[in-house]
Protein backbone atom coordinates (compact mmCIF):
# COMPACT_ATOMS: atom_id res chain seq x y z
CA UNK A 1 19.21 1.55 -17.96
CA UNK A 2 16.08 0.30 -19.66
CA UNK A 3 17.81 -3.06 -20.10
CA UNK A 4 18.52 -3.49 -16.36
CA UNK A 5 15.43 -5.27 -15.01
CA UNK A 6 14.51 -5.40 -11.35
CA UNK A 7 11.96 -7.81 -9.91
CA UNK A 8 10.72 -7.08 -6.42
CA UNK A 9 7.89 -8.07 -4.08
CA UNK A 10 6.38 -5.02 -2.39
CA UNK A 11 3.89 -4.80 0.46
CA UNK A 12 2.33 -1.35 0.73
CA UNK A 13 -1.03 0.28 1.46
CA UNK A 14 -3.54 0.80 -1.33
CA UNK A 15 -3.06 4.58 -1.15
CA UNK A 16 0.61 4.03 -2.07
CA UNK A 17 -0.23 1.62 -4.90
CA UNK A 18 -2.55 4.19 -6.43
CA UNK A 19 0.36 6.61 -6.81
CA UNK A 20 2.80 3.86 -7.84
CA UNK A 21 0.48 2.92 -10.71
CA UNK A 22 1.23 6.27 -12.36
CA UNK A 23 4.65 4.86 -13.31
CA UNK A 24 3.03 2.24 -15.57
CA UNK A 25 5.12 -0.68 -14.43
CA UNK A 26 4.20 -4.32 -14.61
CA UNK A 27 2.80 -5.68 -11.39
CA UNK A 28 0.96 -8.79 -10.44
CA UNK A 29 -1.55 -8.56 -7.63
CA UNK A 30 -5.25 -8.66 -7.14
CA UNK A 31 -7.26 -7.40 -4.22
CA UNK A 32 -10.36 -8.83 -5.82
CA UNK A 33 -9.08 -12.42 -5.80
CA UNK A 34 -7.05 -12.42 -2.58
CA UNK A 35 -9.30 -10.48 -0.23
CA UNK A 36 -11.02 -13.54 1.25
CA UNK A 37 -7.91 -15.70 1.76
CA UNK A 38 -7.38 -14.80 5.40
CA UNK A 39 -8.99 -12.96 8.27
CA UNK A 40 -8.28 -9.23 8.46
CA UNK A 41 -6.00 -8.08 11.29
CA UNK A 42 -4.88 -4.65 12.41
CA UNK A 43 -1.36 -5.55 11.18
CA UNK A 44 -2.75 -5.76 7.62
CA UNK A 45 -3.26 -1.99 7.60
CA UNK A 46 -0.92 1.00 7.68
CA UNK A 47 -2.35 2.82 10.67
CA UNK A 48 0.78 4.07 12.44
CA UNK A 49 -0.32 7.71 12.11
CA UNK A 50 -3.88 7.27 13.40
CA UNK A 51 -4.60 8.99 16.68
CA UNK A 52 -5.55 6.74 19.56
CA UNK A 53 -7.16 9.42 21.72
CA UNK A 54 -10.51 11.00 21.03
CA UNK A 55 -10.59 14.46 19.48
CA UNK A 56 -13.57 16.74 19.13
CA UNK A 57 -14.77 18.62 16.07
CA UNK A 58 -16.18 22.17 16.11
CA UNK A 59 -19.60 20.83 17.14
CA UNK A 60 -18.16 18.97 20.13
CA UNK A 61 -18.62 15.59 18.44
CA UNK A 62 -15.86 13.10 19.29
CA UNK A 63 -13.94 11.15 16.69
CA UNK A 64 -11.32 8.51 17.28
CA UNK A 65 -9.76 7.22 14.04
CA UNK A 66 -7.90 4.29 15.65
CA UNK A 67 -11.12 2.88 17.11
CA UNK A 68 -12.88 3.40 13.80
CA UNK A 69 -10.36 1.27 11.90
CA UNK A 70 -10.81 -1.47 14.48
CA UNK A 71 -14.58 -1.35 13.88
CA UNK A 72 -14.04 -1.46 10.11
CA UNK A 73 -11.81 -4.53 10.53
CA UNK A 74 -14.48 -6.24 12.64
CA UNK A 75 -17.05 -5.46 9.96
CA UNK A 76 -14.76 -6.72 7.17
CA UNK A 77 -14.26 -9.98 9.05
CA UNK A 78 -18.01 -10.39 9.53
CA UNK A 79 -18.55 -9.80 5.79
CA UNK A 80 -15.75 -12.25 4.95
CA UNK A 81 -17.29 -14.91 7.19
CA UNK A 82 -20.68 -14.44 5.54
CA UNK A 83 -19.14 -14.53 2.06
CA UNK A 84 -17.25 -17.76 2.80
CA UNK A 85 -20.57 -19.38 3.74
CA UNK A 86 -22.69 -18.00 0.91
CA UNK A 87 -20.20 -17.26 -1.92
CA UNK A 88 -22.66 -14.52 -2.78
CA UNK A 89 -21.43 -11.69 -4.99
CA UNK A 90 -23.43 -9.29 -2.82
CA UNK A 91 -21.48 -10.40 0.25
CA UNK A 92 -18.18 -10.11 -1.65
CA UNK A 93 -19.03 -6.53 -2.67
CA UNK A 94 -19.41 -5.59 0.99
CA UNK A 95 -15.70 -6.23 1.51
CA UNK A 96 -14.51 -4.68 -1.76
CA UNK A 97 -16.37 -1.44 -1.21
CA UNK A 98 -15.59 -1.21 2.49
CA UNK A 99 -11.83 -1.89 2.42
CA UNK A 100 -9.91 1.27 3.39
CA UNK A 101 -6.96 2.61 1.41
CA UNK A 102 -4.71 1.83 4.38
CA UNK A 103 -5.04 -1.91 3.59
CA UNK A 104 -1.61 -3.37 2.77
CA UNK A 105 -1.37 -5.31 -0.46
CA UNK A 106 1.58 -7.39 -1.66
CA UNK A 107 2.48 -7.36 -5.34
CA UNK A 108 5.26 -8.72 -7.51
CA UNK A 109 6.65 -5.90 -9.63
CA UNK A 110 8.90 -5.73 -12.66
CA UNK A 111 10.79 -2.45 -13.09
CA UNK A 112 14.01 -1.29 -14.69
CA UNK A 113 16.67 1.22 -13.73
CA UNK A 114 15.20 3.88 -16.03
CA UNK A 115 11.83 3.73 -14.24
CA UNK A 116 13.55 3.63 -10.85
CA UNK A 117 15.48 6.78 -11.75
CA UNK A 118 12.21 8.56 -12.54
CA UNK A 119 10.60 7.31 -9.33
CA UNK A 120 13.60 8.27 -7.24
CA UNK A 121 13.81 11.77 -8.73
CA UNK A 122 10.12 12.41 -8.09
CA UNK A 123 9.78 10.74 -4.68
CA UNK A 124 13.15 11.17 -2.90
CA UNK A 125 11.84 14.16 -0.91
CA UNK A 126 8.37 12.73 -0.28
CA UNK A 127 6.92 13.05 3.18
CA UNK A 128 5.05 9.75 2.73
CA UNK A 129 6.78 7.06 4.80
CA UNK A 130 6.36 4.37 2.17
CA UNK A 131 8.10 6.49 -0.50
CA UNK A 132 10.95 7.23 1.91
CA UNK A 133 11.35 3.48 2.50
CA UNK A 134 11.21 2.76 -1.24
CA UNK A 135 13.90 5.36 -2.00
CA UNK A 136 16.13 3.92 0.74
CA UNK A 137 15.68 0.50 -0.90
CA UNK A 138 16.64 1.96 -4.30
CA UNK A 139 19.89 3.27 -2.81
CA UNK A 140 20.80 -0.29 -1.75
CA UNK A 141 20.57 -1.68 -5.31
CA UNK A 142 23.77 -2.56 -7.18
CA UNK A 143 24.88 0.42 -9.28
CA UNK A 144 22.30 2.62 -7.53
CA UNK A 145 24.42 5.64 -8.43
CA UNK A 146 23.04 5.25 -11.97
CA UNK A 147 19.60 5.88 -10.48
CA UNK A 148 20.34 8.45 -7.79
CA UNK A 149 23.21 10.34 -9.45
CA UNK A 150 25.13 10.13 -6.18
CA UNK A 151 28.83 9.28 -6.47
CA UNK A 152 28.34 9.13 -10.23
CA UNK A 153 31.38 7.42 -11.76
CA UNK A 154 29.95 7.20 -15.27
């Protein structure tokens, strides 16, 4: 299974990539070099679980996560615009340190069936949407029964 390579391009939020990195697979992506390529949009973030209505904490203070992410995106775009004019490292740092973990990043990844088996075993019952999607993708691979153990003919 180690000799069965899989190359895939994955788009997922930074919080997912942080966990994915524990599997020590080869991936090629860079937030640092790609962050200024295009304007930030709401679609660039995984925000499907953010509440759109205001809630109140114990002190009666309102919070509205969905509106907050929109403000962060506006701020990121302002920082990007300034950076593109100045090329200042200080302006670049504003984006790097402000970007939320819900930002979706695309990476090219090299895996093998042995690693996929480990990932599948550990993540198949995950409540994180992105892991559920990844495990469904694994099940669609040729000879996925080697990974999942389902319908094992070998």
